[in-house]
Amino acid sequence: MPLSIPLPAGAKIIINGAVIENSGSANITLTVHNKANILRDKDVVTPSEADTPAKEIYHAVQNAYLFESNRDEWLGVSAGLMIQFEQAQPAAAPVIEHIRELIREDKLYNALRACRRLISFEAGQRAETPAATPKAEPAVRAGDAGKKQELAAIKDKIAELEKRIAAIDES
């Protein structure tokens, strides 16, 4: 069944990694007739916006969803970030397990939606999990150098992948 997507003037959408912009002055509707990975610009988290551990997880899952050629690398990055997050905030375990389950089922768009709940949890809001969740704690506790080093290594990997994607986009 085709998917119709309203696209206001000036809005962008990503379809299978390609950024498409309505550069006209009128609203349009795009119709997609086959399976495609689609993300509206309002749902995209850029590297600079991924400024918290939960947003970094969202960013990694987002890139796995959008860029199939690097999917396994991005899923590896997201897995490492989820381990870090879960260790720092055990109360988030049900949300993280749900994200993992969706990834195992290859439902990455749904995993992105679940990542939004993780971002809400991190911000101290209710995470909509079966178990009650307390207010978020700092994601990385002071004095835990090992976790900080591992997180820095993951961030370096993300930066490396971003450079590779930028090089592909310029080609």
C-alpha atoms as a PDB file:
ATOM      1  CA  MET A   1       0.000   0.000   0.000  1.00  0.00           C
ATOM      2  CA  PRO A   2       1.480   3.392  -0.982  1.00  0.00           C
ATOM      3  CA  LEU A   3       2.510   5.875   1.689  1.00  0.00           C
ATOM      4  CA  SER A   4       1.567   9.521   1.100  1.00  0.00           C
ATOM      5  CA  ILE A   5       3.749  12.036   2.882  1.00  0.00           C
ATOM      6  CA  PRO A   6       2.799  15.716   3.063  1.00  0.00           C
ATOM      7  CA  LEU A   7       5.874  17.889   2.653  1.00  0.00           C
ATOM      8  CA  PRO A   8       5.460  21.574   3.506  1.00  0.00           C
ATOM      9  CA  ALA A   9       7.394  24.193   1.550  1.00  0.00           C
ATOM     10  CA  GLY A  10      11.032  24.206   2.645  1.00  0.00           C
ATOM     11  CA  ALA A  11      10.771  20.923   4.560  1.00  0.00           C
ATOM     12  CA  LYS A  12      13.198  18.047   4.082  1.00  0.00           C
ATOM     13  CA  ILE A  13      12.793  14.304   4.239  1.00  0.00           C
ATOM     14  CA  ILE A  14      15.346  11.500   4.017  1.00  0.00           C
ATOM     15  CA  ILE A  15      14.433   8.521   1.849  1.00  0.00           C
ATOM     16  CA  ASN A  16      16.946   5.647   1.776  1.00  0.00           C
ATOM     17  CA  GLY A  17      19.735   8.039   2.729  1.00  0.00           C
ATOM     18  CA  ALA A  18      18.887  10.677   0.113  1.00  0.00           C
ATOM     19  CA  VAL A  19      17.888  14.098   1.442  1.00  0.00           C
ATOM     20  CA  ILE A  20      14.897  15.444  -0.487  1.00  0.00           C
ATOM     21  CA  GLU A  21      13.756  19.031  -0.001  1.00  0.00           C
ATOM     22  CA  ASN A  22      10.582  20.767  -1.092  1.00  0.00           C
ATOM     23  CA  SER A  23      12.316  23.817  -2.532  1.00  0.00           C
ATOM     24  CA  GLY A  24       9.087  25.279  -3.860  1.00  0.00           C
ATOM     25  CA  SER A  25       6.767  27.738  -2.164  1.00  0.00           C
ATOM     26  CA  ALA A  26       3.762  25.405  -2.037  1.00  0.00           C
ATOM     27  CA  ASN A  27       3.088  22.310   0.061  1.00  0.00           C
ATOM     28  CA  ILE A  28       3.373  19.021  -1.820  1.00  0.00           C
ATOM     29  CA  THR A  29       2.582  15.373  -1.179  1.00  0.00           C
ATOM     30  CA  LEU A  30       5.061  12.620  -1.982  1.00  0.00           C
ATOM     31  CA  THR A  31       3.777   9.107  -2.561  1.00  0.00           C
ATOM     32  CA  VAL A  32       6.132   6.193  -1.949  1.00  0.00           C
ATOM     33  CA  HIS A  33       4.966   2.989  -3.609  1.00  0.00           C
ATOM     34  CA  ASN A  34       7.506   0.513  -2.264  1.00  0.00           C
ATOM     35  CA  LYS A  35       9.466  -0.251   0.911  1.00  0.00           C
ATOM     36  CA  ALA A  36      11.796   2.610   1.807  1.00  0.00           C
ATOM     37  CA  ASN A  37      13.531   3.924   4.896  1.00  0.00           C
ATOM     38  CA  ILE A  38      11.977   7.346   5.471  1.00  0.00           C
ATOM     39  CA  LEU A  39      12.674   9.933   8.150  1.00  0.00           C
ATOM     40  CA  ARG A  40      11.292  13.473   8.351  1.00  0.00           C
ATOM     41  CA  ASP A  41      13.700  16.297   9.097  1.00  0.00           C
ATOM     42  CA  LYS A  42      12.030  16.928  12.456  1.00  0.00           C
ATOM     43  CA  ASP A  43      12.900  13.368  13.511  1.00  0.00           C
ATOM     44  CA  VAL A  44      16.577  13.560  12.509  1.00  0.00           C
ATOM     45  CA  VAL A  45      19.168  13.964  15.254  1.00  0.00           C
ATOM     46  CA  THR A  46      22.390  15.464  13.891  1.00  0.00           C
ATOM     47  CA  PRO A  47      25.799  14.677  15.407  1.00  0.00           C
ATOM     48  CA  SER A  48      25.839  18.058  17.166  1.00  0.00           C
ATOM     49  CA  GLU A  49      22.348  17.450  18.586  1.00  0.00           C
ATOM     50  CA  ALA A  50      23.404  14.037  19.942  1.00  0.00           C
ATOM     51  CA  ASP A  51      24.674  15.700  23.112  1.00  0.00           C
ATOM     52  CA  THR A  52      23.427  13.175  25.666  1.00  0.00           C
ATOM     53  CA  PRO A  53      23.904   9.395  25.921  1.00  0.00           C
ATOM     54  CA  ALA A  54      20.274   8.661  24.924  1.00  0.00           C
ATOM     55  CA  LYS A  55      20.496  10.998  21.927  1.00  0.00           C
ATOM     56  CA  GLU A  56      23.755   9.301  20.913  1.00  0.00           C
ATOM     57  CA  ILE A  57      21.904   5.973  20.929  1.00  0.00           C
ATOM     58  CA  TYR A  58      19.113   7.490  18.825  1.00  0.00           C
ATOM     59  CA  HIS A  59      21.684   8.927  16.398  1.00  0.00           C
ATOM     60  CA  ALA A  60      23.418   5.553  15.979  1.00  0.00           C
ATOM     61  CA  VAL A  61      20.126   3.676  15.435  1.00  0.00           C
ATOM     62  CA  GLN A  62      18.982   6.432  13.050  1.00  0.00           C
ATOM     63  CA  ASN A  63      22.117   5.991  10.947  1.00  0.00           C
ATOM     64  CA  ALA A  64      21.712   2.209  10.947  1.00  0.00           C
ATOM     65  CA  TYR A  65      18.155   2.763   9.680  1.00  0.00           C
ATOM     66  CA  LEU A  66      19.097   5.280   6.989  1.00  0.00           C
ATOM     67  CA  PHE A  67      22.432   3.917   5.722  1.00  0.00           C
ATOM     68  CA  GLU A  68      22.162   0.200   5.022  1.00  0.00           C
ATOM     69  CA  SER A  69      25.749  -0.035   3.751  1.00  0.00           C
ATOM     70  CA  ASN A  70      27.044   0.836   7.253  1.00  0.00           C
ATOM     71  CA  ARG A  71      24.191  -0.719   9.200  1.00  0.00           C
ATOM     72  CA  ASP A  72      26.253  -3.288  11.098  1.00  0.00           C
ATOM     73  CA  GLU A  73      28.812  -0.686  12.181  1.00  0.00           C
ATOM     74  CA  TRP A  74      26.103   1.670  13.460  1.00  0.00           C
ATOM     75  CA  LEU A  75      24.317  -1.163  15.233  1.00  0.00           C
ATOM     76  CA  GLY A  76      27.600  -2.067  16.910  1.00  0.00           C
ATOM     77  CA  VAL A  77      28.012   1.526  18.054  1.00  0.00           C
ATOM     78  CA  SER A  78      24.433   1.612  19.351  1.00  0.00           C
ATOM     79  CA  ALA A  79      24.922  -1.690  21.201  1.00  0.00           C
ATOM     80  CA  GLY A  80      27.965  -0.316  23.012  1.00  0.00           C
ATOM     81  CA  LEU A  81      26.150   2.884  23.888  1.00  0.00           C
ATOM     82  CA  MET A  82      23.146   0.953  25.216  1.00  0.00           C
ATOM     83  CA  ILE A  83      25.415  -1.119  27.478  1.00  0.00           C
ATOM     84  CA  GLN A  84      26.920   2.090  28.857  1.00  0.00           C
ATOM     85  CA  PHE A  85      23.503   3.659  29.394  1.00  0.00           C
ATOM     86  CA  GLU A  86      22.061   0.588  31.071  1.00  0.00           C
ATOM     87  CA  GLN A  87      25.038   0.312  33.425  1.00  0.00           C
ATOM     88  CA  ALA A  88      24.724   3.979  34.383  1.00  0.00           C
ATOM     89  CA  GLN A  89      20.919   3.910  34.675  1.00  0.00           C
ATOM     90  CA  PRO A  90      19.652   0.394  35.480  1.00  0.00           C
ATOM     91  CA  ALA A  91      16.062   1.656  35.709  1.00  0.00           C
ATOM     92  CA  ALA A  92      16.167   2.196  31.934  1.00  0.00           C
ATOM     93  CA  ALA A  93      16.728  -1.529  31.317  1.00  0.00           C
ATOM     94  CA  PRO A  94      13.147  -2.261  30.140  1.00  0.00           C
ATOM     95  CA  VAL A  95      13.286   0.494  27.519  1.00  0.00           C
ATOM     96  CA  ILE A  96      16.739  -0.563  26.351  1.00  0.00           C
ATOM     97  CA  GLU A  97      15.689  -4.215  26.143  1.00  0.00           C
ATOM     98  CA  HIS A  98      12.686  -3.173  24.052  1.00  0.00           C
ATOM     99  CA  ILE A  99      15.015  -1.268  21.684  1.00  0.00           C
ATOM    100  CA  ARG A 100      17.276  -4.326  21.419  1.00  0.00           C
ATOM    101  CA  GLU A 101      14.293  -6.561  20.679  1.00  0.00           C
ATOM    102  CA  LEU A 102      13.118  -4.248  17.887  1.00  0.00           C
ATOM    103  CA  ILE A 103      16.628  -4.176  16.419  1.00  0.00           C
ATOM    104  CA  ARG A 104      16.786  -8.007  16.506  1.00  0.00           C
ATOM    105  CA  GLU A 105      13.455  -8.065  14.648  1.00  0.00           C
ATOM    106  CA  ASP A 106      14.891  -5.586  12.076  1.00  0.00           C
ATOM    107  CA  LYS A 107      12.273  -2.991  13.020  1.00  0.00           C
ATOM    108  CA  LEU A 108      14.659  -0.057  13.123  1.00  0.00           C
ATOM    109  CA  TYR A 109      12.018   2.639  12.625  1.00  0.00           C
ATOM    110  CA  ASN A 110      10.153   1.295  15.648  1.00  0.00           C
ATOM    111  CA  ALA A 111      13.472   1.144  17.524  1.00  0.00           C
ATOM    112  CA  LEU A 112      13.890   4.867  16.800  1.00  0.00           C
ATOM    113  CA  ARG A 113      10.493   5.528  18.340  1.00  0.00           C
ATOM    114  CA  ALA A 114      11.552   3.536  21.409  1.00  0.00           C
ATOM    115  CA  CYS A 115      14.753   5.596  21.544  1.00  0.00           C
ATOM    116  CA  ARG A 116      12.535   8.679  21.911  1.00  0.00           C
ATOM    117  CA  ARG A 117      11.206   7.137  25.126  1.00  0.00           C
ATOM    118  CA  LEU A 118      14.790   6.649  26.276  1.00  0.00           C
ATOM    119  CA  ILE A 119      15.490  10.334  25.609  1.00  0.00           C
ATOM    120  CA  SER A 120      12.423  11.226  27.693  1.00  0.00           C
ATOM    121  CA  PHE A 121      13.617   8.921  30.463  1.00  0.00           C
ATOM    122  CA  GLU A 122      17.020  10.583  30.427  1.00  0.00           C
ATOM    123  CA  ALA A 123      15.370  14.002  30.696  1.00  0.00           C
ATOM    124  CA  GLY A 124      13.619  12.809  33.857  1.00  0.00           C
ATOM    125  CA  GLN A 125      10.227  12.120  32.323  1.00  0.00           C
ATOM    126  CA  ARG A 126       8.247   8.916  32.624  1.00  0.00           C
ATOM    127  CA  ALA A 127       9.588   6.422  30.072  1.00  0.00           C
ATOM    128  CA  GLU A 128       6.296   4.541  29.485  1.00  0.00           C
ATOM    129  CA  THR A 129       7.698   1.211  30.570  1.00  0.00           C
ATOM    130  CA  PRO A 130       5.808  -1.521  32.387  1.00  0.00           C
ATOM    131  CA  ALA A 131       7.886  -0.878  35.514  1.00  0.00           C
ATOM    132  CA  ALA A 132       7.871   2.513  37.201  1.00  0.00           C
ATOM    133  CA  THR A 133      10.986   4.520  36.385  1.00  0.00           C
ATOM    134  CA  PRO A 134      12.605   7.015  38.747  1.00  0.00           C
ATOM    135  CA  LYS A 135      14.147  10.327  37.768  1.00  0.00           C
ATOM    136  CA  ALA A 136      17.220  10.033  35.555  1.00  0.00           C
ATOM    137  CA  GLU A 137      20.660  10.001  37.136  1.00  0.00           C
ATOM    138  CA  PRO A 138      23.767  11.386  35.448  1.00  0.00           C
ATOM    139  CA  ALA A 139      24.638   8.995  32.598  1.00  0.00           C
ATOM    140  CA  VAL A 140      28.329   8.758  33.494  1.00  0.00           C
ATOM    141  CA  ARG A 141      29.254   8.906  37.150  1.00  0.00           C
ATOM    142  CA  ALA A 142      32.286  10.943  38.186  1.00  0.00           C
ATOM    143  CA  GLY A 143      35.389   8.881  38.879  1.00  0.00           C
ATOM    144  CA  ASP A 144      34.474   6.065  36.519  1.00  0.00           C
ATOM    145  CA  ALA A 145      37.406   6.444  34.142  1.00  0.00           C
ATOM    146  CA  GLY A 146      36.874   3.101  32.401  1.00  0.00           C
ATOM    147  CA  LYS A 147      33.363   3.987  31.309  1.00  0.00           C
ATOM    148  CA  LYS A 148      34.482   7.441  30.225  1.00  0.00           C
ATOM    149  CA  GLN A 149      37.258   5.948  28.100  1.00  0.00           C
ATOM    150  CA  GLU A 150      34.886   3.471  26.484  1.00  0.00           C
ATOM    151  CA  LEU A 151      32.385   6.244  25.777  1.00  0.00           C
ATOM    152  CA  ALA A 152      35.164   8.377  24.255  1.00  0.00           C
ATOM    153  CA  ALA A 153      36.141   5.451  22.005  1.00  0.00           C
ATOM    154  CA  ILE A 154      32.536   5.062  20.857  1.00  0.00           C
ATOM    155  CA  LYS A 155      32.297   8.789  20.138  1.00  0.00           C
ATOM    156  CA  ASP A 156      35.528   8.563  18.109  1.00  0.00           C
ATOM    157  CA  LYS A 157      34.003   5.703  16.106  1.00  0.00           C
ATOM    158  CA  ILE A 158      30.880   7.791  15.484  1.00  0.00           C
ATOM    159  CA  ALA A 159      33.032  10.698  14.278  1.00  0.00           C
ATOM    160  CA  GLU A 160      34.931   8.352  11.951  1.00  0.00           C
ATOM    161  CA  LEU A 161      31.697   6.981  10.484  1.00  0.00           C
ATOM    162  CA  GLU A 162      30.326  10.517  10.037  1.00  0.00           C
ATOM    163  CA  LYS A 163      33.447  11.422   8.019  1.00  0.00           C
ATOM    164  CA  ARG A 164      32.998   8.335   5.835  1.00  0.00           C
ATOM    165  CA  ILE A 165      29.338   9.214   5.234  1.00  0.00           C
ATOM    166  CA  ALA A 166      30.282  12.813   4.363  1.00  0.00           C
ATOM    167  CA  ALA A 167      32.875  11.521   1.879  1.00  0.00           C
ATOM    168  CA  ILE A 168      30.245   9.280   0.277  1.00  0.00           C
ATOM    169  CA  ASP A 169      27.784  12.178   0.093  1.00  0.00           C
ATOM    170  CA  GLU A 170      30.390  14.342  -1.663  1.00  0.00           C
ATOM    171  CA  SER A 171      31.023  11.648  -4.306  1.00  0.00           C
END
